[in-house]
Each structure stands twice: as C-alpha cells, then as structure tokens.
C-alpha cells in the first residue's frame, strides 16, 4: 500500500497557484486606507511662485 503525504502536496499546489500574491486581508486593509485618504481630500500645498534654480543660465547646447 502506498502512502501519500497530502500536506506537502497541498502546500505545493497552493504555492504554485498563489505565487507571490498577497493575502486578501492585506489588500483589503490597503484599500481601506486608500479610501480614507481620498475621503479626507486635503488641498495640495502650492508654492506662491516658481523659484529659479539657476539665475545665470548658460545655454550648453548652443
């Protein structure tokens, strides 16, 4: 009579089917945090004017 180790077989099948996937509760938790952030809808902070990085720009490609 042959003996089969179903636990190892099952774990191997699960690994092949899931690969590097993330557990569903983790995805659900991330989605909840994203929705909370979107509902807060804080306005973006914008500078009053664009600052120049180089006052004396030299055209290198001329």
PDB file of N, CA and C in Angstrom:
ATOM      1  N   UNK A   1       0.838  -1.178   0.000  1.00  0.00           N
ATOM      2  CA  UNK A   1       0.000   0.000   0.000  1.00  0.00           C
ATOM      3  C   UNK A   1       0.892   1.253   0.000  1.00  0.00           C
ATOM      4  N   UNK A   2       0.597   2.185  -0.874  1.00  0.00           N
ATOM      5  CA  UNK A   2       1.376   3.423  -0.970  1.00  0.00           C
ATOM      6  C   UNK A   2       0.873   4.451   0.031  1.00  0.00           C
ATOM      7  N   UNK A   3       1.811   5.231   0.531  1.00  0.00           N
ATOM      8  CA  UNK A   3       1.447   6.334   1.422  1.00  0.00           C
ATOM      9  C   UNK A   3       1.726   7.643   0.690  1.00  0.00           C
ATOM     10  N   UNK A   4       0.810   8.560   0.767  1.00  0.00           N
ATOM     11  CA  UNK A   4       0.971   9.870   0.154  1.00  0.00           C
ATOM     12  C   UNK A   4       0.955  10.934   1.247  1.00  0.00           C
ATOM     13  N   UNK A   5       1.820  11.866   1.121  1.00  0.00           N
ATOM     14  CA  UNK A   5       1.860  12.970   2.070  1.00  0.00           C
ATOM     15  C   UNK A   5       1.051  14.115   1.475  1.00  0.00           C
ATOM     16  N   UNK A   6      -0.213  14.198   1.851  1.00  0.00           N
ATOM     17  CA  UNK A   6      -1.114  15.191   1.268  1.00  0.00           C
ATOM     18  C   UNK A   6      -0.797  16.613   1.724  1.00  0.00           C
ATOM     19  N   UNK A   7      -0.225  16.750   2.904  1.00  0.00           N
ATOM     20  CA  UNK A   7       0.071  18.095   3.402  1.00  0.00           C
ATOM     21  C   UNK A   7       1.107  18.771   2.509  1.00  0.00           C
ATOM     22  N   UNK A   8       2.190  18.080   2.195  1.00  0.00           N
ATOM     23  CA  UNK A   8       3.208  18.661   1.322  1.00  0.00           C
ATOM     24  C   UNK A   8       2.674  18.881  -0.085  1.00  0.00           C
ATOM     25  N   UNK A   9       1.872  17.957  -0.566  1.00  0.00           N
ATOM     26  CA  UNK A   9       1.290  18.092  -1.899  1.00  0.00           C
ATOM     27  C   UNK A   9       0.381  19.313  -1.948  1.00  0.00           C
ATOM     28  N   UNK A  10      -0.458  19.476  -0.925  1.00  0.00           N
ATOM     29  CA  UNK A  10      -1.376  20.601  -0.892  1.00  0.00           C
ATOM     30  C   UNK A  10      -0.615  21.929  -0.815  1.00  0.00           C
ATOM     31  N   UNK A  11       0.415  21.984   0.025  1.00  0.00           N
ATOM     32  CA  UNK A  11       1.191  23.225   0.155  1.00  0.00           C
ATOM     33  C   UNK A  11       1.861  23.580  -1.165  1.00  0.00           C
ATOM     34  N   UNK A  12       2.357  22.573  -1.890  1.00  0.00           N
ATOM     35  CA  UNK A  12       2.987  22.827  -3.184  1.00  0.00           C
ATOM     36  C   UNK A  12       2.005  23.358  -4.203  1.00  0.00           C
ATOM     37  N   UNK A  13       0.811  22.796  -4.220  1.00  0.00           N
ATOM     38  CA  UNK A  13      -0.226  23.256  -5.156  1.00  0.00           C
ATOM     39  C   UNK A  13      -0.629  24.693  -4.829  1.00  0.00           C
ATOM     40  N   UNK A  14      -0.795  24.970  -3.552  1.00  0.00           N
ATOM     41  CA  UNK A  14      -1.170  26.330  -3.144  1.00  0.00           C
ATOM     42  C   UNK A  14      -0.081  27.317  -3.546  1.00  0.00           C
ATOM     43  N   UNK A  15       1.189  26.957  -3.338  1.00  0.00           N
ATOM     44  CA  UNK A  15       2.289  27.838  -3.720  1.00  0.00           C
ATOM     45  C   UNK A  15       2.307  28.096  -5.217  1.00  0.00           C
ATOM     46  N   UNK A  16       2.047  27.068  -6.010  1.00  0.00           N
ATOM     47  CA  UNK A  16       2.047  27.242  -7.466  1.00  0.00           C
ATOM     48  C   UNK A  16       0.908  28.149  -7.913  1.00  0.00           C
ATOM     49  N   UNK A  17      -0.243  28.022  -7.272  1.00  0.00           N
ATOM     50  CA  UNK A  17      -1.399  28.821  -7.680  1.00  0.00           C
ATOM     51  C   UNK A  17      -1.300  30.265  -7.201  1.00  0.00           C
ATOM     52  N   UNK A  18      -0.727  30.468  -6.034  1.00  0.00           N
ATOM     53  CA  UNK A  18      -0.680  31.826  -5.494  1.00  0.00           C
ATOM     54  C   UNK A  18       0.588  32.570  -5.867  1.00  0.00           C
ATOM     55  N   UNK A  19       1.688  31.878  -6.045  1.00  0.00           N
ATOM     56  CA  UNK A  19       2.942  32.541  -6.403  1.00  0.00           C
ATOM     57  C   UNK A  19       3.341  33.559  -5.363  1.00  0.00           C
ATOM     58  N   UNK A  20       3.593  34.789  -5.784  1.00  0.00           N
ATOM     59  CA  UNK A  20       3.999  35.857  -4.864  1.00  0.00           C
ATOM     60  C   UNK A  20       2.821  36.748  -4.490  1.00  0.00           C
ATOM     61  N   UNK A  21       1.626  36.228  -4.590  1.00  0.00           N
ATOM     62  CA  UNK A  21       0.454  37.057  -4.323  1.00  0.00           C
ATOM     63  C   UNK A  21       0.358  37.407  -2.841  1.00  0.00           C
ATOM     64  N   UNK A  22      -0.337  38.482  -2.569  1.00  0.00           N
ATOM     65  CA  UNK A  22      -0.526  38.965  -1.206  1.00  0.00           C
ATOM     66  C   UNK A  22      -1.872  38.462  -0.713  1.00  0.00           C
ATOM     67  N   UNK A  23      -1.943  38.178   0.554  1.00  0.00           N
ATOM     68  CA  UNK A  23      -3.195  37.694   1.132  1.00  0.00           C
ATOM     69  C   UNK A  23      -4.297  38.738   0.976  1.00  0.00           C
ATOM     70  N   UNK A  24      -5.515  38.268   0.780  1.00  0.00           N
ATOM     71  CA  UNK A  24      -6.661  39.158   0.552  1.00  0.00           C
ATOM     72  C   UNK A  24      -6.874  40.136   1.707  1.00  0.00           C
ATOM     73  N   UNK A  25      -6.732  39.733   2.977  1.00  0.00           N
ATOM     74  CA  UNK A  25      -6.900  40.724   4.050  1.00  0.00           C
ATOM     75  C   UNK A  25      -5.917  41.891   3.962  1.00  0.00           C
ATOM     76  N   UNK A  26      -4.724  41.641   3.471  1.00  0.00           N
ATOM     77  CA  UNK A  26      -3.739  42.723   3.325  1.00  0.00           C
ATOM     78  C   UNK A  26      -4.198  43.695   2.245  1.00  0.00           C
ATOM     79  N   UNK A  27      -4.658  43.177   1.124  1.00  0.00           N
ATOM     80  CA  UNK A  27      -5.151  44.028   0.032  1.00  0.00           C
ATOM     81  C   UNK A  27      -6.356  44.831   0.512  1.00  0.00           C
ATOM     82  N   UNK A  28      -7.233  44.195   1.265  1.00  0.00           N
ATOM     83  CA  UNK A  28      -8.424  44.876   1.792  1.00  0.00           C
ATOM     84  C   UNK A  28      -8.022  46.008   2.736  1.00  0.00           C
ATOM     85  N   UNK A  29      -7.052  45.774   3.601  1.00  0.00           N
ATOM     86  CA  UNK A  29      -6.604  46.804   4.542  1.00  0.00           C
ATOM     87  C   UNK A  29      -5.983  47.988   3.811  1.00  0.00           C
ATOM     88  N   UNK A  30      -5.208  47.718   2.781  1.00  0.00           N
ATOM     89  CA  UNK A  30      -4.597  48.799   1.996  1.00  0.00           C
ATOM     90  C   UNK A  30      -5.671  49.606   1.278  1.00  0.00           C
ATOM     91  N   UNK A  31      -6.660  48.920   0.718  1.00  0.00           N
ATOM     92  CA  UNK A  31      -7.752  49.614   0.025  1.00  0.00           C
ATOM     93  C   UNK A  31      -8.535  50.496   0.989  1.00  0.00           C
ATOM     94  N   UNK A  32      -8.757  50.020   2.208  1.00  0.00           N
ATOM     95  CA  UNK A  32      -9.466  50.828   3.207  1.00  0.00           C
ATOM     96  C   UNK A  32      -8.685  52.103   3.531  1.00  0.00           C
ATOM     97  N   UNK A  33      -7.379  51.989   3.693  1.00  0.00           N
ATOM     98  CA  UNK A  33      -6.549  53.167   3.982  1.00  0.00           C
ATOM     99  C   UNK A  33      -6.567  54.152   2.815  1.00  0.00           C
ATOM    100  N   UNK A  34      -6.569  53.627   1.586  1.00  0.00           N
ATOM    101  CA  UNK A  34      -6.619  54.496   0.413  1.00  0.00           C
ATOM    102  C   UNK A  34      -7.936  55.255   0.371  1.00  0.00           C
ATOM    103  N   UNK A  35      -9.037  54.574   0.661  1.00  0.00           N
ATOM    104  CA  UNK A  35     -10.342  55.234   0.665  1.00  0.00           C
ATOM    105  C   UNK A  35     -10.422  56.301   1.751  1.00  0.00           C
ATOM    106  N   UNK A  36      -9.861  56.011   2.923  1.00  0.00           N
ATOM    107  CA  UNK A  36      -9.851  57.008   3.995  1.00  0.00           C
ATOM    108  C   UNK A  36      -9.071  58.251   3.571  1.00  0.00           C
ATOM    109  N   UNK A  37      -7.940  58.048   2.918  1.00  0.00           N
ATOM    110  CA  UNK A  37      -7.123  59.179   2.467  1.00  0.00           C
ATOM    111  C   UNK A  37      -7.854  59.995   1.413  1.00  0.00           C
ATOM    112  N   UNK A  38      -8.560  59.322   0.505  1.00  0.00           N
ATOM    113  CA  UNK A  38      -9.297  60.039  -0.538  1.00  0.00           C
ATOM    114  C   UNK A  38     -10.466  60.826   0.041  1.00  0.00           C
ATOM    115  N   UNK A  39     -11.096  60.304   1.087  1.00  0.00           N
ATOM    116  CA  UNK A  39     -12.234  60.995   1.692  1.00  0.00           C
ATOM    117  C   UNK A  39     -11.798  62.248   2.440  1.00  0.00           C
ATOM    118  N   UNK A  40     -10.559  62.278   2.931  1.00  0.00           N
ATOM    119  CA  UNK A  40     -10.071  63.466   3.631  1.00  0.00           C
ATOM    120  C   UNK A  40      -9.912  64.632   2.668  1.00  0.00           C
ATOM    121  N   UNK A  41      -9.443  64.373   1.475  1.00  0.00           N
ATOM    122  CA  UNK A  41      -9.359  65.341   0.382  1.00  0.00           C
ATOM    123  C   UNK A  41      -8.785  66.688   0.817  1.00  0.00           C
ATOM    124  N   UNK A  42      -7.581  66.676   1.342  1.00  0.00           N
ATOM    125  CA  UNK A  42      -6.922  67.924   1.718  1.00  0.00           C
ATOM    126  C   UNK A  42      -6.390  68.608   0.462  1.00  0.00           C
ATOM    127  N   UNK A  43      -6.479  69.940   0.394  1.00  0.00           N
ATOM    128  CA  UNK A  43      -5.957  70.635  -0.788  1.00  0.00           C
ATOM    129  C   UNK A  43      -4.432  70.540  -0.848  1.00  0.00           C
ATOM    130  N   UNK A  44      -3.927  70.530  -2.056  1.00  0.00           N
ATOM    131  CA  UNK A  44      -2.481  70.475  -2.247  1.00  0.00           C
ATOM    132  C   UNK A  44      -1.842  71.784  -1.814  1.00  0.00           C
ATOM    133  N   UNK A  45      -0.662  71.685  -1.274  1.00  0.00           N
ATOM    134  CA  UNK A  45       0.100  72.882  -0.918  1.00  0.00           C
ATOM    135  C   UNK A  45       0.898  73.290  -2.150  1.00  0.00           C
ATOM    136  N   UNK A  46       0.697  74.512  -2.587  1.00  0.00           N
ATOM    137  CA  UNK A  46       1.390  75.002  -3.781  1.00  0.00           C
ATOM    138  C   UNK A  46       2.231  76.218  -3.416  1.00  0.00           C
ATOM    139  N   UNK A  47       3.424  76.284  -3.962  1.00  0.00           N
ATOM    140  CA  UNK A  47       4.242  77.479  -3.694  1.00  0.00           C
ATOM    141  C   UNK A  47       3.627  78.689  -4.384  1.00  0.00           C
ATOM    142  N   UNK A  48       3.894  79.865  -3.816  1.00  0.00           N
ATOM    143  CA  UNK A  48       3.332  81.081  -4.390  1.00  0.00           C
ATOM    144  C   UNK A  48       3.950  81.424  -5.731  1.00  0.00           C
ATOM    145  N   UNK A  49       5.211  81.091  -5.921  1.00  0.00           N
ATOM    146  CA  UNK A  49       5.855  81.363  -7.203  1.00  0.00           C
ATOM    147  C   UNK A  49       6.922  80.309  -7.457  1.00  0.00           C
ATOM    148  N   UNK A  50       7.233  80.121  -8.697  1.00  0.00           N
ATOM    149  CA  UNK A  50       8.273  79.169  -9.083  1.00  0.00           C
ATOM    150  C   UNK A  50       9.634  79.796  -8.837  1.00  0.00           C
ATOM    151  N   UNK A  51      10.490  79.093  -8.125  1.00  0.00           N
ATOM    152  CA  UNK A  51      11.831  79.599  -7.855  1.00  0.00           C
ATOM    153  C   UNK A  51      12.772  79.180  -8.971  1.00  0.00           C
ATOM    154  N   UNK A  52      13.694  80.067  -9.332  1.00  0.00           N
ATOM    155  CA  UNK A  52      14.684  79.745 -10.351  1.00  0.00           C
ATOM    156  C   UNK A  52      15.820  78.955  -9.719  1.00  0.00           C
ATOM    157  N   UNK A  53      16.221  77.895 -10.370  1.00  0.00           N
ATOM    158  CA  UNK A  53      17.340  77.111  -9.859  1.00  0.00           C
ATOM    159  C   UNK A  53      18.671  77.771 -10.198  1.00  0.00           C
ATOM    160  N   UNK A  54      18.751  78.337 -11.383  1.00  0.00           N
ATOM    161  CA  UNK A  54      19.979  78.981 -11.836  1.00  0.00           C
ATOM    162  C   UNK A  54      19.629  80.378 -12.330  1.00  0.00           C
ATOM    163  N   UNK A  55      20.204  81.384 -11.705  1.00  0.00           N
ATOM    164  CA  UNK A  55      19.903  82.746 -12.128  1.00  0.00           C
ATOM    165  C   UNK A  55      20.575  83.067 -13.454  1.00  0.00           C
ATOM    166  N   UNK A  56      21.805  82.656 -13.632  1.00  0.00           N
ATOM    167  CA  UNK A  56      22.540  82.912 -14.872  1.00  0.00           C
ATOM    168  C   UNK A  56      22.607  81.612 -15.661  1.00  0.00           C
ATOM    169  N   UNK A  57      21.589  81.352 -16.418  1.00  0.00           N
ATOM    170  CA  UNK A  57      21.558  80.101 -17.180  1.00  0.00           C
ATOM    171  C   UNK A  57      22.425  80.227 -18.420  1.00  0.00           C
ATOM    172  N   UNK A  58      23.233  79.247 -18.649  1.00  0.00           N
ATOM    173  CA  UNK A  58      24.090  79.196 -19.831  1.00  0.00           C
ATOM    174  C   UNK A  58      23.518  78.131 -20.751  1.00  0.00           C
ATOM    175  N   UNK A  59      23.329  78.491 -22.008  1.00  0.00           N
ATOM    176  CA  UNK A  59      22.806  77.529 -22.963  1.00  0.00           C
ATOM    177  C   UNK A  59      23.945  76.605 -23.385  1.00  0.00           C
ATOM    178  N   UNK A  60      23.963  75.420 -22.841  1.00  0.00           N
ATOM    179  CA  UNK A  60      25.034  74.462 -23.106  1.00  0.00           C
ATOM    180  C   UNK A  60      24.937  73.918 -24.519  1.00  0.00           C
ATOM    181  N   UNK A  61      23.743  73.846 -25.068  1.00  0.00           N
ATOM    182  CA  UNK A  61      23.528  73.215 -26.369  1.00  0.00           C
ATOM    183  C   UNK A  61      23.650  74.192 -27.537  1.00  0.00           C
ATOM    184  N   UNK A  62      23.997  75.452 -27.277  1.00  0.00           N
ATOM    185  CA  UNK A  62      24.078  76.442 -28.362  1.00  0.00           C
ATOM    186  C   UNK A  62      25.337  76.279 -29.175  1.00  0.00           C
TER     187      UNK A  62
END
